[in-house]
Amino acid sequence: MSKVNNKEKKLTNRRRAEFVWGWLFILPTLVGLIILNIIPIFQTVWQSFYKTGAFGRGYIFVGLDNYERLFSDGAVWQALINTLKYAIVEVPISIAIALIIAVMLNAKMQGRSAYRAIYFLPMVVAPAATSMVWKWLFNTEFGLFNHVFKSIGLKPVAWLSNPGIAIYSLAAVGIWSVIGYNMVLFLAGLQEIPKDYYEAAQIDGANVFQQFFKITVPLISPTMFFVLVTRVIGSMQIFDSIYMMIGTGSPALKKTQSLVYLFYRYAFVENNKGYGSAIVVLLLVVIMIITIFQMIAQKKWVHYN
């Protein structure tokens, strides 16, 4: 009996130690999440029911006035359309290109590590710096793209000042900047797929495309779902490229400004933090609805091993 009791005590002490150390390891992340994410969410919701006082001092409770103004503000709904349009263009194209590149770099080839590093470089460069470079490339008079167009006899394109195409120019920059990040995630998922599946498929006579759609895509679908959810959330928060590349006097600003950009303008330029907070709450609700829809839809196409 004493031996059994000693074993139980050792197991209890071990479990207690694992419990304590487990919480100690996750405590920094948990504290950071509460301070940097959870508390600001509640503060933003609270501020959405207030209006900044005169000269930016104090807050005046206005109830649902900010939300009533929100639903009647055409600029907000146009910004929502711009945000959704950007996400619809950027997310699927960036995921598709990143998956194709990941499949290619997962195969045995010379210089594979160098190619991986090159594709990942945009993620380590400051967004402001890359936006300035792309702004020069898109320049109507002196940009590289229009210079190439002129050399082959085509008319220059107003990439950033034409309201009809400016949002797609911004989406192209977004696609270029996130391909490397998506590629790394897909590479991690591809390396978890057993090679036996591909060898058996080759023996059965399956070609490269059949292997891709019948083996790779189903088995990497959990990773694809994670990338999809994170990229949708990230694309809905687009701000830096709009701020750096589209001027305040640009005719394309109304067709490119996102909800986050509109929040910045109202909260920090016009110092109306209450109304800006209401815009952020609208964005939060939209992201939550889209994420819930993705969580429901993933049951039909995500295959967990």
C-alpha atoms as a PDB file:
ATOM      1  CA  MET A   1       0.000   0.000   0.000  1.00  0.00           C
ATOM      2  CA  SER A   2       2.836   2.370   0.802  1.00  0.00           C
ATOM      3  CA  LYS A   3       4.363   1.864  -2.683  1.00  0.00           C
ATOM      4  CA  VAL A   4       1.016   2.628  -4.310  1.00  0.00           C
ATOM      5  CA  ASN A   5       0.602   5.753  -2.181  1.00  0.00           C
ATOM      6  CA  ASN A   6       4.122   6.921  -3.077  1.00  0.00           C
ATOM      7  CA  LYS A   7       3.396   6.469  -6.790  1.00  0.00           C
ATOM      8  CA  GLU A   8       0.151   8.418  -6.472  1.00  0.00           C
ATOM      9  CA  LYS A   9       1.952  11.203  -4.610  1.00  0.00           C
ATOM     10  CA  LYS A  10       4.646  11.357  -7.313  1.00  0.00           C
ATOM     11  CA  LEU A  11       1.986  11.522 -10.029  1.00  0.00           C
ATOM     12  CA  THR A  12       0.140  14.241  -8.118  1.00  0.00           C
ATOM     13  CA  ASN A  13       3.329  16.267  -7.642  1.00  0.00           C
ATOM     14  CA  ARG A  14       4.243  15.806 -11.291  1.00  0.00           C
ATOM     15  CA  ARG A  15       0.812  16.940 -12.471  1.00  0.00           C
ATOM     16  CA  ARG A  16       0.942  19.909 -10.117  1.00  0.00           C
ATOM     17  CA  ALA A  17       4.368  20.877 -11.445  1.00  0.00           C
ATOM     18  CA  GLU A  18       3.204  20.505 -15.070  1.00  0.00           C
ATOM     19  CA  PHE A  19       0.160  22.630 -14.283  1.00  0.00           C
ATOM     20  CA  VAL A  20       2.252  25.387 -12.685  1.00  0.00           C
ATOM     21  CA  TRP A  21       4.932  25.394 -15.389  1.00  0.00           C
ATOM     22  CA  GLY A  22       2.309  25.282 -18.123  1.00  0.00           C
ATOM     23  CA  TRP A  23       0.650  28.414 -16.812  1.00  0.00           C
ATOM     24  CA  LEU A  24       4.027  30.112 -16.345  1.00  0.00           C
ATOM     25  CA  PHE A  25       4.902  29.497 -19.997  1.00  0.00           C
ATOM     26  CA  ILE A  26       1.623  30.854 -21.343  1.00  0.00           C
ATOM     27  CA  LEU A  27       1.381  33.708 -18.826  1.00  0.00           C
ATOM     28  CA  PRO A  28       3.395  36.268 -20.885  1.00  0.00           C
ATOM     29  CA  THR A  29       1.272  35.597 -23.977  1.00  0.00           C
ATOM     30  CA  LEU A  30      -1.915  35.678 -21.912  1.00  0.00           C
ATOM     31  CA  VAL A  31      -0.983  38.977 -20.257  1.00  0.00           C
ATOM     32  CA  GLY A  32      -0.029  40.503 -23.608  1.00  0.00           C
ATOM     33  CA  LEU A  33      -3.306  39.306 -25.147  1.00  0.00           C
ATOM     34  CA  ILE A  34      -5.356  40.838 -22.333  1.00  0.00           C
ATOM     35  CA  ILE A  35      -3.478  44.161 -22.285  1.00  0.00           C
ATOM     36  CA  LEU A  36      -3.007  44.636 -26.027  1.00  0.00           C
ATOM     37  CA  ASN A  37      -6.179  43.031 -27.401  1.00  0.00           C
ATOM     38  CA  ILE A  38      -8.973  42.279 -24.937  1.00  0.00           C
ATOM     39  CA  ILE A  39      -8.896  45.523 -22.939  1.00  0.00           C
ATOM     40  CA  PRO A  40      -8.652  47.768 -26.074  1.00  0.00           C
ATOM     41  CA  ILE A  41     -11.699  45.991 -27.549  1.00  0.00           C
ATOM     42  CA  PHE A  42     -13.848  46.879 -24.532  1.00  0.00           C
ATOM     43  CA  GLN A  43     -12.419  50.406 -24.470  1.00  0.00           C
ATOM     44  CA  THR A  44     -13.279  50.871 -28.141  1.00  0.00           C
ATOM     45  CA  VAL A  45     -16.848  49.665 -27.621  1.00  0.00           C
ATOM     46  CA  TRP A  46     -17.158  51.997 -24.623  1.00  0.00           C
ATOM     47  CA  GLN A  47     -15.818  54.989 -26.585  1.00  0.00           C
ATOM     48  CA  SER A  48     -18.283  54.343 -29.423  1.00  0.00           C
ATOM     49  CA  PHE A  49     -21.094  55.602 -27.142  1.00  0.00           C
ATOM     50  CA  TYR A  50     -19.292  58.892 -26.455  1.00  0.00           C
ATOM     51  CA  LYS A  51     -18.231  62.009 -28.299  1.00  0.00           C
ATOM     52  CA  THR A  52     -14.986  63.848 -27.715  1.00  0.00           C
ATOM     53  CA  GLY A  53     -15.515  67.054 -25.771  1.00  0.00           C
ATOM     54  CA  ALA A  54     -14.500  70.552 -26.834  1.00  0.00           C
ATOM     55  CA  PHE A  55     -10.806  70.957 -27.657  1.00  0.00           C
ATOM     56  CA  GLY A  56     -10.397  67.190 -27.287  1.00  0.00           C
ATOM     57  CA  ARG A  57     -11.050  67.224 -23.554  1.00  0.00           C
ATOM     58  CA  GLY A  58     -13.190  64.563 -21.905  1.00  0.00           C
ATOM     59  CA  TYR A  59     -16.021  62.539 -23.360  1.00  0.00           C
ATOM     60  CA  ILE A  60     -19.691  63.361 -23.720  1.00  0.00           C
ATOM     61  CA  PHE A  61     -22.151  60.470 -23.599  1.00  0.00           C
ATOM     62  CA  VAL A  62     -24.269  60.433 -26.773  1.00  0.00           C
ATOM     63  CA  GLY A  63     -25.756  56.934 -26.615  1.00  0.00           C
ATOM     64  CA  LEU A  64     -26.459  55.470 -30.055  1.00  0.00           C
ATOM     65  CA  ASP A  65     -25.940  58.746 -31.944  1.00  0.00           C
ATOM     66  CA  ASN A  66     -22.638  57.562 -33.401  1.00  0.00           C
ATOM     67  CA  TYR A  67     -24.268  54.399 -34.735  1.00  0.00           C
ATOM     68  CA  GLU A  68     -27.215  56.346 -36.179  1.00  0.00           C
ATOM     69  CA  ARG A  69     -24.748  58.564 -38.005  1.00  0.00           C
ATOM     70  CA  LEU A  70     -22.798  55.477 -39.036  1.00  0.00           C
ATOM     71  CA  PHE A  71     -25.728  53.841 -40.844  1.00  0.00           C
ATOM     72  CA  SER A  72     -26.529  57.049 -42.715  1.00  0.00           C
ATOM     73  CA  ASP A  73     -22.926  57.875 -43.656  1.00  0.00           C
ATOM     74  CA  GLY A  74     -22.298  57.042 -47.311  1.00  0.00           C
ATOM     75  CA  ALA A  75     -18.524  57.290 -46.836  1.00  0.00           C
ATOM     76  CA  VAL A  76     -18.602  54.441 -44.311  1.00  0.00           C
ATOM     77  CA  TRP A  77     -20.482  52.096 -46.631  1.00  0.00           C
ATOM     78  CA  GLN A  78     -18.234  53.030 -49.540  1.00  0.00           C
ATOM     79  CA  ALA A  79     -15.222  52.261 -47.333  1.00  0.00           C
ATOM     80  CA  LEU A  80     -16.786  48.908 -46.447  1.00  0.00           C
ATOM     81  CA  ILE A  81     -17.248  48.121 -50.147  1.00  0.00           C
ATOM     82  CA  ASN A  82     -13.626  49.137 -50.809  1.00  0.00           C
ATOM     83  CA  THR A  83     -12.423  46.906 -47.984  1.00  0.00           C
ATOM     84  CA  LEU A  84     -14.414  43.898 -49.196  1.00  0.00           C
ATOM     85  CA  LYS A  85     -13.306  44.481 -52.788  1.00  0.00           C
ATOM     86  CA  TYR A  86      -9.667  44.562 -51.693  1.00  0.00           C
ATOM     87  CA  ALA A  87     -10.081  41.349 -49.679  1.00  0.00           C
ATOM     88  CA  ILE A  88     -11.881  39.532 -52.513  1.00  0.00           C
ATOM     89  CA  VAL A  89      -9.004  40.303 -54.885  1.00  0.00           C
ATOM     90  CA  GLU A  90      -6.044  39.909 -52.547  1.00  0.00           C
ATOM     91  CA  VAL A  91      -6.928  36.830 -50.485  1.00  0.00           C
ATOM     92  CA  PRO A  92      -7.663  34.128 -53.117  1.00  0.00           C
ATOM     93  CA  ILE A  93      -4.925  35.227 -55.522  1.00  0.00           C
ATOM     94  CA  SER A  94      -2.251  35.419 -52.811  1.00  0.00           C
ATOM     95  CA  ILE A  95      -3.241  31.986 -51.460  1.00  0.00           C
ATOM     96  CA  ALA A  96      -3.260  30.370 -54.906  1.00  0.00           C
ATOM     97  CA  ILE A  97       0.133  31.798 -55.917  1.00  0.00           C
ATOM     98  CA  ALA A  98       1.699  30.969 -52.540  1.00  0.00           C
ATOM     99  CA  LEU A  99       0.436  27.367 -52.724  1.00  0.00           C
ATOM    100  CA  ILE A 100       1.834  26.864 -56.224  1.00  0.00           C
ATOM    101  CA  ILE A 101       5.217  28.326 -55.217  1.00  0.00           C
ATOM    102  CA  ALA A 102       5.267  26.194 -52.055  1.00  0.00           C
ATOM    103  CA  VAL A 103       4.626  23.026 -54.051  1.00  0.00           C
ATOM    104  CA  MET A 104       7.449  23.925 -56.439  1.00  0.00           C
ATOM    105  CA  LEU A 105       9.896  24.750 -53.628  1.00  0.00           C
ATOM    106  CA  ASN A 106       8.948  21.610 -51.717  1.00  0.00           C
ATOM    107  CA  ALA A 107      10.433  19.508 -54.510  1.00  0.00           C
ATOM    108  CA  LYS A 108      14.142  18.758 -54.758  1.00  0.00           C
ATOM    109  CA  MET A 109      15.852  21.550 -56.684  1.00  0.00           C
ATOM    110  CA  GLN A 110      19.080  23.521 -56.606  1.00  0.00           C
ATOM    111  CA  GLY A 111      19.018  26.764 -54.643  1.00  0.00           C
ATOM    112  CA  ARG A 112      15.767  25.891 -52.885  1.00  0.00           C
ATOM    113  CA  SER A 113      16.757  27.665 -49.658  1.00  0.00           C
ATOM    114  CA  ALA A 114      17.764  30.804 -51.562  1.00  0.00           C
ATOM    115  CA  TYR A 115      14.432  30.922 -53.396  1.00  0.00           C
ATOM    116  CA  ARG A 116      12.558  30.513 -50.107  1.00  0.00           C
ATOM    117  CA  ALA A 117      14.470  33.420 -48.596  1.00  0.00           C
ATOM    118  CA  ILE A 118      13.840  35.618 -51.642  1.00  0.00           C
ATOM    119  CA  TYR A 119      10.094  35.005 -51.584  1.00  0.00           C
ATOM    120  CA  PHE A 120       9.971  35.683 -47.838  1.00  0.00           C
ATOM    121  CA  LEU A 121      11.917  38.972 -48.039  1.00  0.00           C
ATOM    122  CA  PRO A 122       8.838  41.222 -48.462  1.00  0.00           C
ATOM    123  CA  MET A 123       7.653  40.120 -45.000  1.00  0.00           C
ATOM    124  CA  VAL A 124      10.779  41.453 -43.269  1.00  0.00           C
ATOM    125  CA  VAL A 125      10.773  44.826 -45.028  1.00  0.00           C
ATOM    126  CA  ALA A 126       8.887  47.717 -43.440  1.00  0.00           C
ATOM    127  CA  PRO A 127       5.483  48.241 -45.118  1.00  0.00           C
ATOM    128  CA  ALA A 128       6.144  51.982 -45.372  1.00  0.00           C
ATOM    129  CA  ALA A 129       9.355  51.364 -47.326  1.00  0.00           C
ATOM    130  CA  THR A 130       7.755  48.899 -49.742  1.00  0.00           C
ATOM    131  CA  SER A 131       4.786  51.227 -50.244  1.00  0.00           C
ATOM    132  CA  MET A 132       7.105  54.060 -51.233  1.00  0.00           C
ATOM    133  CA  VAL A 133       8.895  51.821 -53.743  1.00  0.00           C
ATOM    134  CA  TRP A 134       5.615  50.638 -55.264  1.00  0.00           C
ATOM    135  CA  LYS A 135       4.355  54.218 -55.379  1.00  0.00           C
ATOM    136  CA  TRP A 136       7.354  55.079 -57.537  1.00  0.00           C
ATOM    137  CA  LEU A 137       6.770  52.028 -59.752  1.00  0.00           C
ATOM    138  CA  PHE A 138       3.136  53.103 -60.231  1.00  0.00           C
ATOM    139  CA  ASN A 139       4.014  56.741 -60.941  1.00  0.00           C
ATOM    140  CA  THR A 140       2.069  57.925 -63.984  1.00  0.00           C
ATOM    141  CA  GLU A 141       4.892  59.948 -65.549  1.00  0.00           C
ATOM    142  CA  PHE A 142       8.126  58.404 -64.316  1.00  0.00           C
ATOM    143  CA  GLY A 143       7.113  54.956 -63.068  1.00  0.00           C
ATOM    144  CA  LEU A 144       8.765  51.805 -64.352  1.00  0.00           C
ATOM    145  CA  PHE A 145       5.496  50.169 -65.417  1.00  0.00           C
ATOM    146  CA  ASN A 146       4.407  53.084 -67.575  1.00  0.00           C
ATOM    147  CA  HIS A 147       7.928  53.379 -68.962  1.00  0.00           C
ATOM    148  CA  VAL A 148       7.631  49.798 -70.201  1.00  0.00           C
ATOM    149  CA  PHE A 149       4.175  50.534 -71.593  1.00  0.00           C
ATOM    150  CA  LYS A 150       5.485  53.566 -73.499  1.00  0.00           C
ATOM    151  CA  SER A 151       8.378  51.551 -74.912  1.00  0.00           C
ATOM    152  CA  ILE A 152       5.955  49.067 -76.503  1.00  0.00           C
ATOM    153  CA  GLY A 153       3.580  51.760 -77.767  1.00  0.00           C
ATOM    154  CA  LEU A 154       0.906  51.606 -75.068  1.00  0.00           C
ATOM    155  CA  LYS A 155      -0.623  54.561 -73.253  1.00  0.00           C
ATOM    156  CA  PRO A 156       0.423  55.217 -69.650  1.00  0.00           C
ATOM    157  CA  VAL A 157      -1.969  54.107 -66.923  1.00  0.00           C
ATOM    158  CA  ALA A 158      -2.949  56.177 -63.881  1.00  0.00           C
ATOM    159  CA  TRP A 159      -2.438  53.296 -61.477  1.00  0.00           C
ATOM    160  CA  LEU A 160      -3.046  55.226 -58.262  1.00  0.00           C
ATOM    161  CA  SER A 161      -5.179  58.183 -59.373  1.00  0.00           C
ATOM    162  CA  ASN A 162      -7.774  56.387 -61.487  1.00  0.00           C
ATOM    163  CA  PRO A 163     -10.709  55.538 -59.156  1.00  0.00           C
ATOM    164  CA  GLY A 164     -11.563  52.509 -61.260  1.00  0.00           C
ATOM    165  CA  ILE A 165      -8.250  50.681 -60.919  1.00  0.00           C
ATOM    166  CA  ALA A 166      -6.490  52.154 -57.858  1.00  0.00           C
ATOM    167  CA  ILE A 167      -7.948  49.562 -55.473  1.00  0.00           C
ATOM    168  CA  TYR A 168      -6.602  46.771 -57.692  1.00  0.00           C
ATOM    169  CA  SER A 169      -3.154  48.374 -57.721  1.00  0.00           C
ATOM    170  CA  LEU A 170      -3.208  48.335 -53.925  1.00  0.00           C
ATOM    171  CA  ALA A 171      -4.360  44.706 -53.987  1.00  0.00           C
ATOM    172  CA  ALA A 172      -1.396  43.824 -56.227  1.00  0.00           C
ATOM    173  CA  VAL A 173       0.956  45.275 -53.620  1.00  0.00           C
ATOM    174  CA  GLY A 174      -0.840  43.304 -50.910  1.00  0.00           C
ATOM    175  CA  ILE A 175      -0.528  40.077 -52.900  1.00  0.00           C
ATOM    176  CA  TRP A 176       3.183  40.639 -53.422  1.00  0.00           C
ATOM    177  CA  SER A 177       3.789  41.377 -49.740  1.00  0.00           C
ATOM    178  CA  VAL A 178       2.030  38.309 -48.237  1.00  0.00           C
ATOM    179  CA  ILE A 179       3.024  35.580 -50.692  1.00  0.00           C
ATOM    180  CA  GLY A 180       6.171  34.750 -48.712  1.00  0.00           C
ATOM    181  CA  TYR A 181       4.324  34.380 -45.415  1.00  0.00           C
ATOM    182  CA  ASN A 182       1.647  32.162 -46.940  1.00  0.00           C
ATOM    183  CA  MET A 183       4.320  30.128 -48.705  1.00  0.00           C
ATOM    184  CA  VAL A 184       6.136  29.322 -45.453  1.00  0.00           C
ATOM    185  CA  LEU A 185       2.908  28.094 -43.863  1.00  0.00           C
ATOM    186  CA  PHE A 186       2.116  25.945 -46.895  1.00  0.00           C
ATOM    187  CA  LEU A 187       5.638  24.512 -46.900  1.00  0.00           C
ATOM    188  CA  ALA A 188       5.168  23.445 -43.291  1.00  0.00           C
ATOM    189  CA  GLY A 189       1.904  21.736 -44.224  1.00  0.00           C
ATOM    190  CA  LEU A 190       3.376  20.048 -47.303  1.00  0.00           C
ATOM    191  CA  GLN A 191       6.217  18.537 -45.328  1.00  0.00           C
ATOM    192  CA  GLU A 192       3.682  16.755 -43.114  1.00  0.00           C
ATOM    193  CA  ILE A 193       2.225  14.836 -46.088  1.00  0.00           C
ATOM    194  CA  PRO A 194       3.710  11.304 -46.272  1.00  0.00           C
ATOM    195  CA  LYS A 195       5.699  10.628 -49.457  1.00  0.00           C
ATOM    196  CA  ASP A 196       4.075   7.205 -49.687  1.00  0.00           C
ATOM    197  CA  TYR A 197       0.882   8.765 -51.033  1.00  0.00           C
ATOM    198  CA  TYR A 198       2.691  10.274 -53.999  1.00  0.00           C
ATOM    199  CA  GLU A 199       4.664   7.097 -54.686  1.00  0.00           C
ATOM    200  CA  ALA A 200       1.463   5.039 -54.698  1.00  0.00           C
ATOM    201  CA  ALA A 201      -0.201   7.573 -56.990  1.00  0.00           C
ATOM    202  CA  GLN A 202       2.722   7.423 -59.434  1.00  0.00           C
ATOM    203  CA  ILE A 203       2.488   3.644 -59.510  1.00  0.00           C
ATOM    204  CA  ASP A 204      -1.236   3.958 -60.334  1.00  0.00           C
ATOM    205  CA  GLY A 205      -0.370   6.287 -63.211  1.00  0.00           C
ATOM    206  CA  ALA A 206      -1.551   9.611 -61.719  1.00  0.00           C
ATOM    207  CA  ASN A 207       0.017  12.671 -63.321  1.00  0.00           C
ATOM    208  CA  VAL A 208       1.238  15.814 -61.535  1.00  0.00           C
ATOM    209  CA  PHE A 209      -2.104  17.616 -61.715  1.00  0.00           C
ATOM    210  CA  GLN A 210      -4.034  14.612 -60.425  1.00  0.00           C
ATOM    211  CA  GLN A 211      -1.624  14.273 -57.512  1.00  0.00           C
ATOM    212  CA  PHE A 212      -2.011  17.961 -56.734  1.00  0.00           C
ATOM    213  CA  PHE A 213      -5.819  18.005 -56.665  1.00  0.00           C
ATOM    214  CA  LYS A 214      -6.378  14.512 -55.214  1.00  0.00           C
ATOM    215  CA  ILE A 215      -3.571  14.371 -52.639  1.00  0.00           C
ATOM    216  CA  THR A 216      -1.962  17.749 -51.980  1.00  0.00           C
ATOM    217  CA  VAL A 217      -5.042  19.954 -51.784  1.00  0.00           C
ATOM    218  CA  PRO A 218      -7.134  17.669 -49.514  1.00  0.00           C
ATOM    219  CA  LEU A 219      -4.254  16.938 -47.127  1.00  0.00           C
ATOM    220  CA  ILE A 220      -3.132  20.558 -46.913  1.00  0.00           C
ATOM    221  CA  SER A 221      -6.676  21.883 -46.506  1.00  0.00           C
ATOM    222  CA  PRO A 222      -6.285  22.486 -42.708  1.00  0.00           C
ATOM    223  CA  THR A 223      -3.327  24.761 -43.435  1.00  0.00           C
ATOM    224  CA  MET A 224      -5.260  26.422 -46.245  1.00  0.00           C
ATOM    225  CA  PHE A 225      -8.130  27.085 -43.855  1.00  0.00           C
ATOM    226  CA  PHE A 226      -5.805  28.701 -41.304  1.00  0.00           C
ATOM    227  CA  VAL A 227      -4.192  30.867 -43.994  1.00  0.00           C
ATOM    228  CA  LEU A 228      -7.623  31.820 -45.354  1.00  0.00           C
ATOM    229  CA  VAL A 229      -8.953  32.946 -41.976  1.00  0.00           C
ATOM    230  CA  THR A 230      -5.839  34.944 -41.069  1.00  0.00           C
ATOM    231  CA  ARG A 231      -5.556  36.538 -44.513  1.00  0.00           C
ATOM    232  CA  VAL A 232      -9.196  37.617 -44.556  1.00  0.00           C
ATOM    233  CA  ILE A 233      -8.740  39.280 -41.170  1.00  0.00           C
ATOM    234  CA  GLY A 234      -5.469  40.877 -42.283  1.00  0.00           C
ATOM    235  CA  SER A 235      -6.881  42.156 -45.582  1.00  0.00           C
ATOM    236  CA  MET A 236      -9.889  43.694 -43.822  1.00  0.00           C
ATOM    237  CA  GLN A 237      -7.447  45.766 -41.743  1.00  0.00           C
ATOM    238  CA  ILE A 238      -5.591  47.274 -44.714  1.00  0.00           C
ATOM    239  CA  PHE A 239      -4.292  50.765 -43.933  1.00  0.00           C
ATOM    240  CA  ASP A 240      -0.563  51.346 -44.434  1.00  0.00           C
ATOM    241  CA  SER A 241      -0.432  51.040 -48.230  1.00  0.00           C
ATOM    242  CA  ILE A 242      -3.473  53.324 -48.626  1.00  0.00           C
ATOM    243  CA  TYR A 243      -1.971  55.916 -46.305  1.00  0.00           C
ATOM    244  CA  MET A 244       1.427  55.846 -48.034  1.00  0.00           C
ATOM    245  CA  MET A 245       0.369  55.497 -51.677  1.00  0.00           C
ATOM    246  CA  ILE A 246      -2.911  57.414 -52.013  1.00  0.00           C
ATOM    247  CA  GLY A 247      -2.681  61.131 -51.315  1.00  0.00           C
ATOM    248  CA  THR A 248      -5.396  63.018 -49.454  1.00  0.00           C
ATOM    249  CA  GLY A 249      -6.116  65.025 -52.598  1.00  0.00           C
ATOM    250  CA  SER A 250      -6.193  62.026 -54.912  1.00  0.00           C
ATOM    251  CA  PRO A 251      -9.435  61.539 -56.897  1.00  0.00           C
ATOM    252  CA  ALA A 252      -9.163  57.827 -56.098  1.00  0.00           C
ATOM    253  CA  LEU A 253      -9.216  58.262 -52.319  1.00  0.00           C
ATOM    254  CA  LYS A 254     -12.978  57.741 -51.954  1.00  0.00           C
ATOM    255  CA  LYS A 255     -12.757  54.499 -53.948  1.00  0.00           C
ATOM    256  CA  THR A 256      -9.759  53.156 -52.042  1.00  0.00           C
ATOM    257  CA  GLN A 257     -10.052  54.243 -48.395  1.00  0.00           C
ATOM    258  CA  SER A 258     -10.787  51.314 -46.093  1.00  0.00           C
ATOM    259  CA  LEU A 259     -12.688  51.233 -42.818  1.00  0.00           C
ATOM    260  CA  VAL A 260      -9.405  51.386 -40.889  1.00  0.00           C
ATOM    261  CA  TYR A 261      -8.304  54.402 -42.926  1.00  0.00           C
ATOM    262  CA  LEU A 262     -11.655  56.063 -42.257  1.00  0.00           C
ATOM    263  CA  PHE A 263     -11.251  55.299 -38.549  1.00  0.00           C
ATOM    264  CA  TYR A 264      -7.815  56.960 -38.616  1.00  0.00           C
ATOM    265  CA  ARG A 265      -9.218  60.030 -40.348  1.00  0.00           C
ATOM    266  CA  TYR A 266     -12.103  60.538 -37.939  1.00  0.00           C
ATOM    267  CA  ALA A 267     -10.304  59.526 -34.733  1.00  0.00           C
ATOM    268  CA  PHE A 268      -6.897  61.179 -35.192  1.00  0.00           C
ATOM    269  CA  VAL A 269      -7.276  63.827 -37.898  1.00  0.00           C
ATOM    270  CA  GLU A 270     -10.712  65.155 -36.927  1.00  0.00           C
ATOM    271  CA  ASN A 271     -10.278  64.087 -33.270  1.00  0.00           C
ATOM    272  CA  ASN A 272     -13.695  62.405 -33.153  1.00  0.00           C
ATOM    273  CA  LYS A 273     -12.639  59.219 -31.387  1.00  0.00           C
ATOM    274  CA  GLY A 274     -16.191  58.210 -30.514  1.00  0.00           C
ATOM    275  CA  TYR A 275     -17.326  58.059 -34.125  1.00  0.00           C
ATOM    276  CA  GLY A 276     -14.039  56.437 -35.124  1.00  0.00           C
ATOM    277  CA  SER A 277     -14.607  53.771 -32.477  1.00  0.00           C
ATOM    278  CA  ALA A 278     -18.079  53.095 -33.909  1.00  0.00           C
ATOM    279  CA  ILE A 279     -16.460  52.453 -37.303  1.00  0.00           C
ATOM    280  CA  VAL A 280     -14.050  49.985 -35.700  1.00  0.00           C
ATOM    281  CA  VAL A 281     -16.969  48.201 -34.009  1.00  0.00           C
ATOM    282  CA  LEU A 282     -18.626  47.881 -37.434  1.00  0.00           C
ATOM    283  CA  LEU A 283     -15.415  46.369 -38.814  1.00  0.00           C
ATOM    284  CA  LEU A 284     -15.242  43.975 -35.848  1.00  0.00           C
ATOM    285  CA  VAL A 285     -18.809  42.805 -36.478  1.00  0.00           C
ATOM    286  CA  VAL A 286     -18.134  42.275 -40.200  1.00  0.00           C
ATOM    287  CA  ILE A 287     -14.977  40.264 -39.482  1.00  0.00           C
ATOM    288  CA  MET A 288     -16.820  38.159 -36.894  1.00  0.00           C
ATOM    289  CA  ILE A 289     -19.627  37.389 -39.353  1.00  0.00           C
ATOM    290  CA  ILE A 290     -17.167  36.376 -42.075  1.00  0.00           C
ATOM    291  CA  THR A 291     -15.139  34.254 -39.640  1.00  0.00           C
ATOM    292  CA  ILE A 292     -18.253  32.463 -38.362  1.00  0.00           C
ATOM    293  CA  PHE A 293     -19.263  31.728 -41.952  1.00  0.00           C
ATOM    294  CA  GLN A 294     -15.770  30.337 -42.628  1.00  0.00           C
ATOM    295  CA  MET A 295     -15.938  28.148 -39.516  1.00  0.00           C
ATOM    296  CA  ILE A 296     -19.248  26.690 -40.685  1.00  0.00           C
ATOM    297  CA  ALA A 297     -18.174  26.255 -44.303  1.00  0.00           C
ATOM    298  CA  GLN A 298     -14.857  24.591 -43.439  1.00  0.00           C
ATOM    299  CA  LYS A 299     -16.686  21.414 -42.387  1.00  0.00           C
ATOM    300  CA  LYS A 300     -17.441  20.738 -46.066  1.00  0.00           C
ATOM    301  CA  TRP A 301     -13.972  21.166 -47.554  1.00  0.00           C
ATOM    302  CA  VAL A 302     -11.360  20.838 -44.787  1.00  0.00           C
ATOM    303  CA  HIS A 303     -10.128  17.271 -44.327  1.00  0.00           C
ATOM    304  CA  TYR A 304      -8.472  16.549 -40.981  1.00  0.00           C
ATOM    305  CA  ASN A 305      -6.358  13.395 -40.757  1.00  0.00           C
END
